[in-house]
Amino acid sequence: MSFANSHEIVTNQEGLNENLDDIVNKHLAHEFRKPYQQHSIDGFKSVEQEIARAGKPIIFDSCCGVGDSTINIARQHPEHFVIGMDKSGHRLNKNEAYEQHGVDNFMLLRTDLNDFWRLALEAQIKIDKHFILYPNPWPKAKHIQRRWHGSAVFPTIVALGGELEMRSNWRLYLDEFSQALSIVGKSSLVKEFVPEATITPFERKYQASGQALFQLTAHL
């Protein structure tokens, strides 16, 4: 598929999901206790070692795909150590020549974010910024709990703190996330934006297709 041929999001949902508030409040009332997977624990230990070695403020780049966004964020923030995370080792392995990018203040990790975020919170890791760029939209209304703001790990995302930046080509996703943040007393701004330079393959594809792009920012 060419970059100029990306399809827009199609959904059977009109406006914010009617169950959103109830779902968020349910997750706020019940701690997420899913057992950690061993590979998540092992991967997190390697992250702790790299954080100690880097000795720099931390940026999370969650759902980083092939890692292009992580490298670009690291280049834009040389004073930070950027951790790019994705559940797919196949995607991460597509970006092999890391040394050729001229930056070394980052690492890429295959992990389950449902585990990693909770492990980071338990370890009291402080982050300056948290990027979640173009997450899987799960556009069907019945899949609301697969979106990050409808998931059991949402309270952990908030508790991690830092400056949150999300991007999507589906404004409704960000509007829902903004509503979820308001339930926990956090303000946010959602707006249409045009990136000065695209930093992910999805961003390049959507922009080349003429789709509008949207951004959520919040101080957590």
N, C-alpha and C. Protein backbone atom coordinates (compact mmCIF):
# COMPACT_ATOMS: atom_id res chain seq x y z
N MET A 1 0.85 -1.19 0.00
CA MET A 1 0.00 0.00 0.00
C MET A 1 0.88 1.25 0.00
N SER A 2 0.59 2.19 -0.86
CA SER A 2 1.37 3.41 -0.90
C SER A 2 1.00 4.31 0.27
N PHE A 3 1.92 5.22 0.62
CA PHE A 3 1.67 6.12 1.74
C PHE A 3 0.46 7.00 1.49
N ALA A 4 0.14 7.27 0.21
CA ALA A 4 -0.96 8.18 -0.09
C ALA A 4 -2.30 7.46 -0.19
N ASN A 5 -2.35 6.22 0.26
CA ASN A 5 -3.55 5.42 0.10
C ASN A 5 -4.12 4.92 1.41
N SER A 6 -3.83 5.56 2.51
CA SER A 6 -4.27 5.08 3.82
C SER A 6 -5.74 5.40 4.04
N HIS A 7 -6.49 4.42 4.52
CA HIS A 7 -7.92 4.61 4.74
C HIS A 7 -8.19 5.29 6.07
N GLU A 8 -9.24 6.10 6.10
CA GLU A 8 -9.64 6.74 7.35
C GLU A 8 -10.35 5.73 8.25
N ILE A 9 -10.41 6.07 9.54
CA ILE A 9 -11.05 5.19 10.52
C ILE A 9 -12.55 5.10 10.24
N VAL A 10 -13.07 3.89 10.26
CA VAL A 10 -14.51 3.65 10.13
C VAL A 10 -15.00 3.04 11.43
N THR A 11 -16.04 3.63 12.02
CA THR A 11 -16.54 3.16 13.30
C THR A 11 -18.06 3.12 13.31
N ASN A 12 -18.61 2.25 14.14
CA ASN A 12 -20.06 2.20 14.33
C ASN A 12 -20.47 3.00 15.57
N GLN A 13 -19.54 3.80 16.08
CA GLN A 13 -19.78 4.56 17.31
C GLN A 13 -20.00 6.03 16.98
N GLU A 14 -21.04 6.61 17.55
CA GLU A 14 -21.31 8.03 17.37
C GLU A 14 -21.01 8.76 18.67
N GLY A 15 -20.03 9.63 18.66
CA GLY A 15 -19.67 10.36 19.87
C GLY A 15 -18.94 9.47 20.86
N LEU A 16 -18.72 10.02 22.07
CA LEU A 16 -18.03 9.26 23.11
C LEU A 16 -18.80 7.99 23.43
N ASN A 17 -18.08 6.92 23.70
CA ASN A 17 -18.73 5.65 24.04
C ASN A 17 -19.59 5.83 25.29
N GLU A 18 -20.82 5.36 25.22
CA GLU A 18 -21.77 5.58 26.31
C GLU A 18 -21.36 4.88 27.60
N ASN A 19 -20.48 3.90 27.49
CA ASN A 19 -20.04 3.16 28.68
C ASN A 19 -18.72 3.65 29.25
N LEU A 20 -18.14 4.69 28.64
CA LEU A 20 -16.79 5.10 29.01
C LEU A 20 -16.66 5.46 30.48
N ASP A 21 -17.52 6.32 30.99
CA ASP A 21 -17.41 6.77 32.38
C ASP A 21 -17.51 5.60 33.36
N ASP A 22 -18.46 4.70 33.11
CA ASP A 22 -18.63 3.55 34.00
C ASP A 22 -17.40 2.65 33.98
N ILE A 23 -16.83 2.47 32.81
CA ILE A 23 -15.65 1.60 32.68
C ILE A 23 -14.46 2.21 33.41
N VAL A 24 -14.24 3.51 33.21
CA VAL A 24 -13.11 4.17 33.88
C VAL A 24 -13.28 4.11 35.40
N ASN A 25 -14.47 4.40 35.87
CA ASN A 25 -14.71 4.38 37.32
C ASN A 25 -14.55 2.98 37.90
N LYS A 26 -14.92 1.97 37.13
CA LYS A 26 -14.74 0.58 37.59
C LYS A 26 -13.25 0.28 37.77
N HIS A 27 -12.45 0.69 36.80
CA HIS A 27 -11.01 0.42 36.89
C HIS A 27 -10.35 1.25 37.99
N LEU A 28 -10.87 2.42 38.26
CA LEU A 28 -10.34 3.23 39.36
C LEU A 28 -10.64 2.59 40.71
N ALA A 29 -11.75 1.88 40.79
CA ALA A 29 -12.18 1.29 42.06
C ALA A 29 -11.54 -0.06 42.34
N HIS A 30 -10.99 -0.70 41.30
CA HIS A 30 -10.44 -2.04 41.47
C HIS A 30 -9.02 -2.09 40.92
N GLU A 31 -8.07 -2.40 41.78
CA GLU A 31 -6.67 -2.47 41.37
C GLU A 31 -6.46 -3.58 40.34
N PHE A 32 -5.66 -3.28 39.34
CA PHE A 32 -5.33 -4.24 38.29
C PHE A 32 -4.32 -5.24 38.84
N ARG A 33 -4.71 -6.49 38.99
CA ARG A 33 -3.86 -7.48 39.66
C ARG A 33 -3.43 -8.62 38.74
N LYS A 34 -3.49 -8.43 37.46
CA LYS A 34 -3.06 -9.49 36.54
C LYS A 34 -1.60 -9.84 36.81
N PRO A 35 -1.27 -11.14 36.97
CA PRO A 35 0.12 -11.53 37.23
C PRO A 35 1.05 -11.10 36.11
N TYR A 36 2.27 -10.73 36.47
CA TYR A 36 3.26 -10.34 35.49
C TYR A 36 3.79 -11.57 34.74
N GLN A 37 4.05 -11.39 33.46
CA GLN A 37 4.72 -12.43 32.69
C GLN A 37 6.22 -12.36 32.97
N GLN A 38 6.87 -13.51 33.00
CA GLN A 38 8.29 -13.53 33.35
C GLN A 38 9.13 -12.73 32.38
N HIS A 39 8.79 -12.79 31.08
CA HIS A 39 9.60 -12.03 30.12
C HIS A 39 9.45 -10.53 30.34
N SER A 40 8.31 -10.11 30.88
CA SER A 40 8.14 -8.69 31.21
C SER A 40 9.04 -8.29 32.37
N ILE A 41 9.12 -9.16 33.37
CA ILE A 41 9.99 -8.90 34.53
C ILE A 41 11.45 -8.85 34.10
N ASP A 42 11.86 -9.81 33.26
CA ASP A 42 13.24 -9.85 32.80
C ASP A 42 13.58 -8.62 31.97
N GLY A 43 12.66 -8.23 31.09
CA GLY A 43 12.89 -7.05 30.27
C GLY A 43 12.96 -5.79 31.10
N PHE A 44 12.14 -5.71 32.12
CA PHE A 44 12.15 -4.53 32.97
C PHE A 44 13.47 -4.41 33.72
N LYS A 45 14.02 -5.54 34.14
CA LYS A 45 15.32 -5.50 34.83
C LYS A 45 16.40 -4.93 33.92
N SER A 46 16.34 -5.27 32.64
CA SER A 46 17.32 -4.72 31.70
C SER A 46 17.14 -3.22 31.53
N VAL A 47 15.89 -2.77 31.58
CA VAL A 47 15.61 -1.33 31.49
C VAL A 47 16.18 -0.61 32.70
N GLU A 48 15.98 -1.17 33.88
CA GLU A 48 16.53 -0.54 35.09
C GLU A 48 18.04 -0.38 35.00
N GLN A 49 18.70 -1.38 34.45
CA GLN A 49 20.15 -1.31 34.29
C GLN A 49 20.55 -0.21 33.32
N GLU A 50 19.81 -0.09 32.22
CA GLU A 50 20.12 0.93 31.22
C GLU A 50 19.83 2.33 31.75
N ILE A 51 18.77 2.47 32.53
CA ILE A 51 18.46 3.76 33.13
C ILE A 51 19.59 4.20 34.06
N ALA A 52 20.06 3.27 34.88
CA ALA A 52 21.16 3.58 35.80
C ALA A 52 22.42 3.95 35.04
N ARG A 53 22.67 3.24 33.94
CA ARG A 53 23.87 3.50 33.15
C ARG A 53 23.78 4.86 32.45
N ALA A 54 22.59 5.21 31.95
CA ALA A 54 22.43 6.46 31.21
C ALA A 54 22.53 7.68 32.12
N GLY A 55 21.92 7.60 33.30
CA GLY A 55 21.98 8.71 34.24
C GLY A 55 21.31 9.97 33.72
N LYS A 56 20.24 9.81 32.95
CA LYS A 56 19.54 10.96 32.36
C LYS A 56 18.05 10.89 32.70
N PRO A 57 17.34 12.03 32.60
CA PRO A 57 15.88 12.00 32.75
C PRO A 57 15.26 11.06 31.71
N ILE A 58 14.10 10.53 32.03
CA ILE A 58 13.51 9.45 31.24
C ILE A 58 12.32 9.93 30.41
N ILE A 59 12.25 9.43 29.19
CA ILE A 59 11.08 9.58 28.32
C ILE A 59 10.61 8.19 27.92
N PHE A 60 9.31 7.93 28.03
CA PHE A 60 8.72 6.70 27.52
C PHE A 60 8.13 6.96 26.14
N ASP A 61 8.40 6.07 25.20
CA ASP A 61 7.74 6.08 23.89
C ASP A 61 7.01 4.75 23.76
N SER A 62 5.76 4.74 24.20
CA SER A 62 4.99 3.50 24.25
C SER A 62 4.31 3.23 22.91
N CYS A 63 4.15 1.95 22.56
CA CYS A 63 3.58 1.56 21.27
C CYS A 63 4.45 2.12 20.14
N CYS A 64 5.75 1.91 20.23
CA CYS A 64 6.69 2.58 19.32
C CYS A 64 6.81 1.93 17.96
N GLY A 65 6.15 0.78 17.74
CA GLY A 65 6.21 0.15 16.43
C GLY A 65 7.62 -0.27 16.07
N VAL A 66 8.10 0.18 14.91
CA VAL A 66 9.44 -0.19 14.45
C VAL A 66 10.54 0.61 15.13
N GLY A 67 10.17 1.60 15.94
CA GLY A 67 11.16 2.36 16.69
C GLY A 67 11.58 3.67 16.06
N ASP A 68 11.01 4.02 14.90
CA ASP A 68 11.37 5.30 14.27
C ASP A 68 11.07 6.47 15.19
N SER A 69 9.92 6.42 15.84
CA SER A 69 9.55 7.52 16.73
C SER A 69 10.54 7.64 17.88
N THR A 70 10.98 6.51 18.42
CA THR A 70 11.93 6.52 19.53
C THR A 70 13.23 7.21 19.12
N ILE A 71 13.73 6.86 17.96
CA ILE A 71 14.97 7.46 17.47
C ILE A 71 14.80 8.95 17.23
N ASN A 72 13.67 9.34 16.65
CA ASN A 72 13.43 10.76 16.41
C ASN A 72 13.27 11.54 17.71
N ILE A 73 12.57 10.96 18.67
CA ILE A 73 12.40 11.62 19.97
C ILE A 73 13.75 11.74 20.67
N ALA A 74 14.56 10.70 20.58
CA ALA A 74 15.90 10.74 21.19
C ALA A 74 16.75 11.83 20.56
N ARG A 75 16.63 11.98 19.26
CA ARG A 75 17.38 13.03 18.56
C ARG A 75 16.91 14.42 19.00
N GLN A 76 15.60 14.56 19.23
CA GLN A 76 15.04 15.85 19.64
C GLN A 76 15.31 16.17 21.10
N HIS A 77 15.61 15.14 21.90
CA HIS A 77 15.82 15.31 23.34
C HIS A 77 17.14 14.65 23.75
N PRO A 78 18.27 15.21 23.32
CA PRO A 78 19.57 14.57 23.60
C PRO A 78 19.91 14.50 25.08
N GLU A 79 19.24 15.32 25.89
CA GLU A 79 19.52 15.33 27.32
C GLU A 79 18.71 14.28 28.06
N HIS A 80 17.89 13.51 27.34
CA HIS A 80 17.06 12.47 27.94
C HIS A 80 17.47 11.09 27.46
N PHE A 81 17.03 10.08 28.19
CA PHE A 81 17.15 8.69 27.77
C PHE A 81 15.75 8.21 27.40
N VAL A 82 15.58 7.76 26.16
CA VAL A 82 14.27 7.42 25.63
C VAL A 82 14.12 5.91 25.55
N ILE A 83 13.04 5.41 26.11
CA ILE A 83 12.76 3.97 26.10
C ILE A 83 11.56 3.72 25.19
N GLY A 84 11.82 3.07 24.06
CA GLY A 84 10.76 2.72 23.13
C GLY A 84 10.28 1.31 23.40
N MET A 85 8.96 1.15 23.48
CA MET A 85 8.38 -0.15 23.86
C MET A 85 7.28 -0.56 22.89
N ASP A 86 7.27 -1.81 22.53
CA ASP A 86 6.21 -2.35 21.69
C ASP A 86 6.06 -3.84 22.01
N LYS A 87 4.86 -4.35 21.84
CA LYS A 87 4.62 -5.77 22.15
C LYS A 87 5.12 -6.69 21.05
N SER A 88 5.41 -6.12 19.87
CA SER A 88 5.77 -6.93 18.72
C SER A 88 7.28 -6.91 18.48
N GLY A 89 7.92 -8.04 18.70
CA GLY A 89 9.33 -8.16 18.37
C GLY A 89 9.55 -8.07 16.87
N HIS A 90 8.57 -8.53 16.08
CA HIS A 90 8.67 -8.47 14.63
C HIS A 90 8.79 -7.03 14.16
N ARG A 91 7.99 -6.14 14.74
CA ARG A 91 8.06 -4.73 14.34
C ARG A 91 9.40 -4.13 14.75
N LEU A 92 9.81 -4.40 15.97
CA LEU A 92 11.07 -3.83 16.45
C LEU A 92 12.26 -4.32 15.63
N ASN A 93 12.20 -5.56 15.19
CA ASN A 93 13.32 -6.13 14.43
C ASN A 93 13.44 -5.54 13.03
N LYS A 94 12.42 -4.81 12.59
CA LYS A 94 12.50 -4.17 11.28
C LYS A 94 13.49 -3.01 11.28
N ASN A 95 13.80 -2.50 12.46
CA ASN A 95 14.71 -1.37 12.56
C ASN A 95 16.02 -1.88 13.14
N GLU A 96 16.93 -2.27 12.27
CA GLU A 96 18.12 -2.99 12.71
C GLU A 96 19.35 -2.10 12.87
N ALA A 97 19.51 -1.10 12.02
CA ALA A 97 20.76 -0.34 12.00
C ALA A 97 20.69 0.86 12.93
N TYR A 98 20.53 0.57 14.23
CA TYR A 98 20.36 1.66 15.19
C TYR A 98 21.57 2.59 15.23
N GLU A 99 22.78 2.03 15.13
CA GLU A 99 23.98 2.84 15.25
C GLU A 99 24.09 3.86 14.13
N GLN A 100 23.42 3.62 13.02
CA GLN A 100 23.53 4.51 11.87
C GLN A 100 22.71 5.78 12.04
N HIS A 101 21.91 5.86 13.09
CA HIS A 101 21.04 7.01 13.25
C HIS A 101 21.74 8.17 13.96
N GLY A 102 22.92 7.97 14.46
CA GLY A 102 23.68 9.05 15.06
C GLY A 102 23.22 9.44 16.45
N VAL A 103 22.42 8.61 17.09
CA VAL A 103 21.98 8.87 18.46
C VAL A 103 22.16 7.58 19.27
N ASP A 104 22.48 7.74 20.53
CA ASP A 104 22.67 6.55 21.37
C ASP A 104 21.94 6.66 22.71
N ASN A 105 21.09 7.68 22.83
CA ASN A 105 20.39 7.90 24.10
C ASN A 105 19.00 7.26 24.09
N PHE A 106 18.93 6.02 23.64
CA PHE A 106 17.64 5.33 23.60
C PHE A 106 17.87 3.83 23.66
N MET A 107 16.79 3.11 23.97
CA MET A 107 16.77 1.66 23.85
C MET A 107 15.38 1.23 23.39
N LEU A 108 15.30 0.08 22.76
CA LEU A 108 14.03 -0.48 22.33
C LEU A 108 13.80 -1.79 23.07
N LEU A 109 12.55 -2.01 23.45
CA LEU A 109 12.22 -3.17 24.27
C LEU A 109 10.92 -3.80 23.81
N ARG A 110 10.94 -5.11 23.62
CA ARG A 110 9.70 -5.84 23.40
C ARG A 110 9.11 -6.14 24.77
N THR A 111 7.88 -5.72 24.99
CA THR A 111 7.26 -5.93 26.29
C THR A 111 5.75 -5.80 26.19
N ASP A 112 5.08 -6.32 27.19
CA ASP A 112 3.64 -6.12 27.36
C ASP A 112 3.47 -4.86 28.20
N LEU A 113 2.92 -3.81 27.61
CA LEU A 113 2.79 -2.55 28.34
C LEU A 113 1.91 -2.66 29.57
N ASN A 114 0.96 -3.59 29.55
CA ASN A 114 0.14 -3.80 30.74
C ASN A 114 1.00 -4.21 31.94
N ASP A 115 2.08 -4.91 31.66
CA ASP A 115 3.04 -5.27 32.70
C ASP A 115 4.05 -4.15 32.95
N PHE A 116 4.65 -3.66 31.87
CA PHE A 116 5.76 -2.73 32.01
C PHE A 116 5.36 -1.47 32.77
N TRP A 117 4.25 -0.88 32.42
CA TRP A 117 3.83 0.36 33.09
C TRP A 117 3.65 0.13 34.59
N ARG A 118 3.06 -1.01 34.97
CA ARG A 118 2.86 -1.29 36.40
C ARG A 118 4.19 -1.53 37.10
N LEU A 119 5.10 -2.23 36.43
CA LEU A 119 6.43 -2.46 37.01
C LEU A 119 7.17 -1.14 37.20
N ALA A 120 7.05 -0.24 36.23
CA ALA A 120 7.71 1.06 36.33
C ALA A 120 7.14 1.88 37.48
N LEU A 121 5.83 1.79 37.66
CA LEU A 121 5.20 2.52 38.76
C LEU A 121 5.64 1.95 40.10
N GLU A 122 5.67 0.63 40.21
CA GLU A 122 6.11 0.00 41.46
C GLU A 122 7.56 0.36 41.79
N ALA A 123 8.38 0.49 40.75
CA ALA A 123 9.80 0.82 40.95
C ALA A 123 10.01 2.32 41.13
N GLN A 124 8.92 3.08 41.08
CA GLN A 124 8.95 4.53 41.29
C GLN A 124 9.86 5.23 40.28
N ILE A 125 9.82 4.75 39.05
CA ILE A 125 10.57 5.42 37.98
C ILE A 125 9.86 6.72 37.63
N LYS A 126 10.60 7.80 37.62
CA LYS A 126 10.04 9.10 37.30
C LYS A 126 10.30 9.40 35.82
N ILE A 127 9.25 9.80 35.12
CA ILE A 127 9.42 10.13 33.70
C ILE A 127 9.07 11.59 33.47
N ASP A 128 9.82 12.22 32.56
CA ASP A 128 9.55 13.60 32.19
C ASP A 128 8.44 13.68 31.16
N LYS A 129 8.49 12.78 30.19
CA LYS A 129 7.52 12.78 29.10
C LYS A 129 7.08 11.36 28.79
N HIS A 130 5.85 11.26 28.27
CA HIS A 130 5.32 9.96 27.87
C HIS A 130 4.60 10.15 26.54
N PHE A 131 5.14 9.53 25.51
CA PHE A 131 4.52 9.58 24.18
C PHE A 131 3.77 8.28 23.93
N ILE A 132 2.52 8.41 23.47
CA ILE A 132 1.74 7.27 22.97
C ILE A 132 1.22 7.72 21.61
N LEU A 133 1.93 7.34 20.56
CA LEU A 133 1.67 7.87 19.23
C LEU A 133 0.96 6.84 18.35
N TYR A 134 -0.20 7.22 17.86
CA TYR A 134 -1.00 6.42 16.95
C TYR A 134 -1.26 5.01 17.48
N PRO A 135 -1.85 4.91 18.67
CA PRO A 135 -2.19 3.59 19.22
C PRO A 135 -3.27 2.93 18.37
N ASN A 136 -3.33 1.61 18.44
CA ASN A 136 -4.39 0.88 17.74
C ASN A 136 -5.74 1.46 18.15
N PRO A 137 -6.55 1.92 17.20
CA PRO A 137 -7.79 2.63 17.57
C PRO A 137 -8.92 1.73 18.07
N TRP A 138 -8.92 0.46 17.71
CA TRP A 138 -10.03 -0.42 18.07
C TRP A 138 -11.36 0.32 17.87
N PRO A 139 -11.72 0.60 16.61
CA PRO A 139 -12.84 1.51 16.35
C PRO A 139 -14.24 0.97 16.63
N LYS A 140 -14.41 -0.35 16.74
CA LYS A 140 -15.74 -0.87 17.03
C LYS A 140 -16.13 -0.52 18.46
N ALA A 141 -17.36 -0.08 18.65
CA ALA A 141 -17.83 0.35 19.97
C ALA A 141 -17.64 -0.73 21.03
N LYS A 142 -17.83 -1.98 20.65
CA LYS A 142 -17.74 -3.08 21.62
C LYS A 142 -16.31 -3.30 22.11
N HIS A 143 -15.35 -2.69 21.44
CA HIS A 143 -13.94 -2.87 21.81
C HIS A 143 -13.40 -1.72 22.64
N ILE A 144 -14.27 -0.96 23.26
CA ILE A 144 -13.86 0.19 24.06
C ILE A 144 -12.80 -0.17 25.10
N GLN A 145 -12.90 -1.36 25.69
CA GLN A 145 -11.95 -1.72 26.75
C GLN A 145 -10.60 -2.17 26.20
N ARG A 146 -10.47 -2.21 24.88
CA ARG A 146 -9.16 -2.46 24.28
C ARG A 146 -8.41 -1.15 24.02
N ARG A 147 -9.12 -0.04 24.07
CA ARG A 147 -8.46 1.27 23.96
C ARG A 147 -7.81 1.57 25.31
N TRP A 148 -6.72 2.29 25.31
CA TRP A 148 -5.98 2.48 26.56
C TRP A 148 -6.81 3.13 27.65
N HIS A 149 -7.64 4.07 27.30
CA HIS A 149 -8.45 4.74 28.33
C HIS A 149 -9.57 3.86 28.86
N GLY A 150 -9.89 2.78 28.15
CA GLY A 150 -10.91 1.86 28.61
C GLY A 150 -10.33 0.60 29.24
N SER A 151 -9.02 0.55 29.33
CA SER A 151 -8.37 -0.65 29.84
C SER A 151 -8.13 -0.56 31.34
N ALA A 152 -7.87 -1.71 31.94
CA ALA A 152 -7.62 -1.75 33.38
C ALA A 152 -6.32 -1.05 33.77
N VAL A 153 -5.44 -0.83 32.81
CA VAL A 153 -4.14 -0.21 33.11
C VAL A 153 -4.20 1.32 33.01
N PHE A 154 -5.35 1.87 32.64
CA PHE A 154 -5.45 3.33 32.51
C PHE A 154 -5.02 4.08 33.77
N PRO A 155 -5.47 3.68 34.97
CA PRO A 155 -5.02 4.40 36.17
C PRO A 155 -3.51 4.41 36.33
N THR A 156 -2.84 3.37 35.85
CA THR A 156 -1.39 3.31 35.93
C THR A 156 -0.75 4.34 35.00
N ILE A 157 -1.31 4.49 33.80
CA ILE A 157 -0.80 5.50 32.87
C ILE A 157 -0.82 6.87 33.53
N VAL A 158 -1.92 7.18 34.19
CA VAL A 158 -2.05 8.47 34.87
C VAL A 158 -1.04 8.59 36.00
N ALA A 159 -0.92 7.53 36.79
CA ALA A 159 -0.06 7.57 37.97
C ALA A 159 1.42 7.69 37.61
N LEU A 160 1.80 7.27 36.41
CA LEU A 160 3.20 7.39 35.99
C LEU A 160 3.63 8.84 35.89
N GLY A 161 2.68 9.73 35.63
CA GLY A 161 2.97 11.16 35.61
C GLY A 161 3.69 11.60 34.35
N GLY A 162 4.31 12.78 34.44
CA GLY A 162 5.03 13.34 33.30
C GLY A 162 4.12 14.09 32.36
N GLU A 163 4.72 14.61 31.30
CA GLU A 163 3.97 15.29 30.25
C GLU A 163 3.54 14.26 29.22
N LEU A 164 2.24 14.06 29.10
CA LEU A 164 1.71 13.07 28.17
C LEU A 164 1.43 13.71 26.82
N GLU A 165 1.88 13.06 25.76
CA GLU A 165 1.50 13.48 24.41
C GLU A 165 1.03 12.26 23.64
N MET A 166 -0.18 12.36 23.11
CA MET A 166 -0.74 11.31 22.27
C MET A 166 -1.07 11.91 20.91
N ARG A 167 -0.99 11.08 19.89
CA ARG A 167 -1.37 11.50 18.54
C ARG A 167 -2.21 10.40 17.91
N SER A 168 -3.14 10.83 17.05
CA SER A 168 -4.01 9.87 16.38
C SER A 168 -4.60 10.53 15.14
N ASN A 169 -5.01 9.72 14.19
CA ASN A 169 -5.78 10.23 13.06
C ASN A 169 -7.27 10.07 13.32
N TRP A 170 -7.64 9.69 14.53
CA TRP A 170 -9.05 9.53 14.93
C TRP A 170 -9.28 10.39 16.16
N ARG A 171 -9.89 11.54 15.97
CA ARG A 171 -10.06 12.47 17.07
C ARG A 171 -10.86 11.87 18.21
N LEU A 172 -11.83 11.04 17.89
CA LEU A 172 -12.70 10.48 18.93
C LEU A 172 -11.90 9.71 19.97
N TYR A 173 -10.85 9.03 19.53
CA TYR A 173 -10.00 8.30 20.48
C TYR A 173 -9.42 9.26 21.51
N LEU A 174 -8.90 10.38 21.05
CA LEU A 174 -8.29 11.35 21.96
C LEU A 174 -9.34 12.07 22.79
N ASP A 175 -10.50 12.33 22.21
CA ASP A 175 -11.58 12.95 22.99
C ASP A 175 -12.01 12.03 24.13
N GLU A 176 -12.06 10.73 23.86
CA GLU A 176 -12.39 9.78 24.92
C GLU A 176 -11.31 9.75 25.99
N PHE A 177 -10.05 9.76 25.55
CA PHE A 177 -8.96 9.76 26.53
C PHE A 177 -9.02 11.02 27.39
N SER A 178 -9.34 12.14 26.76
CA SER A 178 -9.47 13.40 27.49
C SER A 178 -10.59 13.32 28.52
N GLN A 179 -11.71 12.70 28.14
CA GLN A 179 -12.82 12.53 29.07
C GLN A 179 -12.41 11.63 30.24
N ALA A 180 -11.67 10.56 29.93
CA ALA A 180 -11.19 9.68 31.00
C ALA A 180 -10.27 10.43 31.95
N LEU A 181 -9.42 11.28 31.41
CA LEU A 181 -8.53 12.08 32.27
C LEU A 181 -9.33 13.02 33.16
N SER A 182 -10.40 13.58 32.62
CA SER A 182 -11.21 14.50 33.42
C SER A 182 -11.84 13.80 34.61
N ILE A 183 -12.13 12.51 34.47
CA ILE A 183 -12.72 11.75 35.57
C ILE A 183 -11.75 11.65 36.74
N VAL A 184 -10.45 11.63 36.44
CA VAL A 184 -9.43 11.56 37.50
C VAL A 184 -8.88 12.95 37.84
N GLY A 185 -9.57 13.98 37.37
CA GLY A 185 -9.20 15.35 37.74
C GLY A 185 -8.03 15.93 36.98
N LYS A 186 -7.74 15.38 35.79
CA LYS A 186 -6.64 15.88 34.98
C LYS A 186 -7.19 16.60 33.75
N SER A 187 -6.69 17.80 33.51
CA SER A 187 -7.10 18.55 32.33
C SER A 187 -6.20 18.18 31.16
N SER A 188 -6.72 18.34 29.96
CA SER A 188 -5.95 18.01 28.76
C SER A 188 -6.44 18.87 27.61
N LEU A 189 -5.65 18.93 26.57
CA LEU A 189 -5.99 19.70 25.38
C LEU A 189 -5.92 18.78 24.17
N VAL A 190 -7.00 18.75 23.40
CA VAL A 190 -7.04 18.00 22.15
C VAL A 190 -7.20 18.99 21.01
N LYS A 191 -6.35 18.88 20.01
CA LYS A 191 -6.44 19.80 18.88
C LYS A 191 -5.93 19.12 17.62
N GLU A 192 -6.36 19.66 16.48
CA GLU A 192 -5.78 19.23 15.22
C GLU A 192 -4.40 19.86 15.09
N PHE A 193 -3.47 19.13 14.53
CA PHE A 193 -2.13 19.69 14.39
C PHE A 193 -1.47 19.16 13.12
N VAL A 194 -0.48 19.91 12.67
CA VAL A 194 0.34 19.51 11.53
C VAL A 194 1.77 19.41 12.02
N PRO A 195 2.35 18.23 12.03
CA PRO A 195 3.72 18.08 12.54
C PRO A 195 4.72 18.81 11.65
N GLU A 196 5.71 19.45 12.28
CA GLU A 196 6.76 20.09 11.51
C GLU A 196 7.55 19.06 10.71
N ALA A 197 7.75 17.91 11.32
CA ALA A 197 8.40 16.78 10.64
C ALA A 197 7.76 15.51 11.18
N THR A 198 7.36 14.63 10.29
CA THR A 198 6.73 13.38 10.73
C THR A 198 7.77 12.50 11.42
N ILE A 199 7.36 11.84 12.49
CA ILE A 199 8.32 11.05 13.27
C ILE A 199 7.97 9.57 13.36
N THR A 200 6.85 9.16 12.76
CA THR A 200 6.51 7.74 12.73
C THR A 200 6.05 7.36 11.33
N PRO A 201 6.17 6.09 10.94
CA PRO A 201 5.66 5.67 9.63
C PRO A 201 4.17 5.93 9.48
N PHE A 202 3.38 5.70 10.54
CA PHE A 202 1.95 5.98 10.46
C PHE A 202 1.70 7.45 10.21
N GLU A 203 2.44 8.31 10.88
CA GLU A 203 2.25 9.75 10.72
C GLU A 203 2.54 10.16 9.27
N ARG A 204 3.60 9.62 8.70
CA ARG A 204 3.92 9.92 7.31
C ARG A 204 2.82 9.43 6.38
N LYS A 205 2.33 8.23 6.66
CA LYS A 205 1.30 7.63 5.80
C LYS A 205 0.00 8.43 5.87
N TYR A 206 -0.43 8.77 7.07
CA TYR A 206 -1.68 9.50 7.22
C TYR A 206 -1.58 10.90 6.60
N GLN A 207 -0.46 11.56 6.82
CA GLN A 207 -0.30 12.90 6.27
C GLN A 207 -0.27 12.86 4.74
N ALA A 208 0.42 11.87 4.18
CA ALA A 208 0.48 11.74 2.73
C ALA A 208 -0.89 11.44 2.13
N SER A 209 -1.77 10.83 2.93
CA SER A 209 -3.13 10.52 2.48
C SER A 209 -4.08 11.70 2.63
N GLY A 210 -3.58 12.79 3.20
CA GLY A 210 -4.42 13.97 3.39
C GLY A 210 -5.33 13.90 4.59
N GLN A 211 -5.06 12.95 5.50
CA GLN A 211 -5.90 12.83 6.69
C GLN A 211 -5.52 13.88 7.73
N ALA A 212 -6.50 14.33 8.48
CA ALA A 212 -6.24 15.23 9.60
C ALA A 212 -5.57 14.45 10.73
N LEU A 213 -4.65 15.09 11.41
CA LEU A 213 -3.97 14.50 12.55
C LEU A 213 -4.32 15.28 13.80
N PHE A 214 -4.39 14.57 14.93
CA PHE A 214 -4.82 15.20 16.18
C PHE A 214 -3.83 14.87 17.29
N GLN A 215 -3.78 15.78 18.26
CA GLN A 215 -2.81 15.67 19.34
C GLN A 215 -3.50 15.94 20.67
N LEU A 216 -3.19 15.12 21.66
CA LEU A 216 -3.62 15.36 23.05
C LEU A 216 -2.38 15.62 23.88
N THR A 217 -2.45 16.66 24.69
CA THR A 217 -1.37 16.93 25.64
C THR A 217 -1.98 17.11 27.03
N ALA A 218 -1.24 16.64 28.02
CA ALA A 218 -1.71 16.74 29.41
C ALA A 218 -0.52 16.66 30.34
N HIS A 219 -0.62 17.36 31.46
CA HIS A 219 0.38 17.24 32.51
C HIS A 219 -0.19 16.31 33.57
N LEU A 220 0.45 15.17 33.74
CA LEU A 220 -0.04 14.17 34.69
C LEU A 220 0.72 14.23 36.00
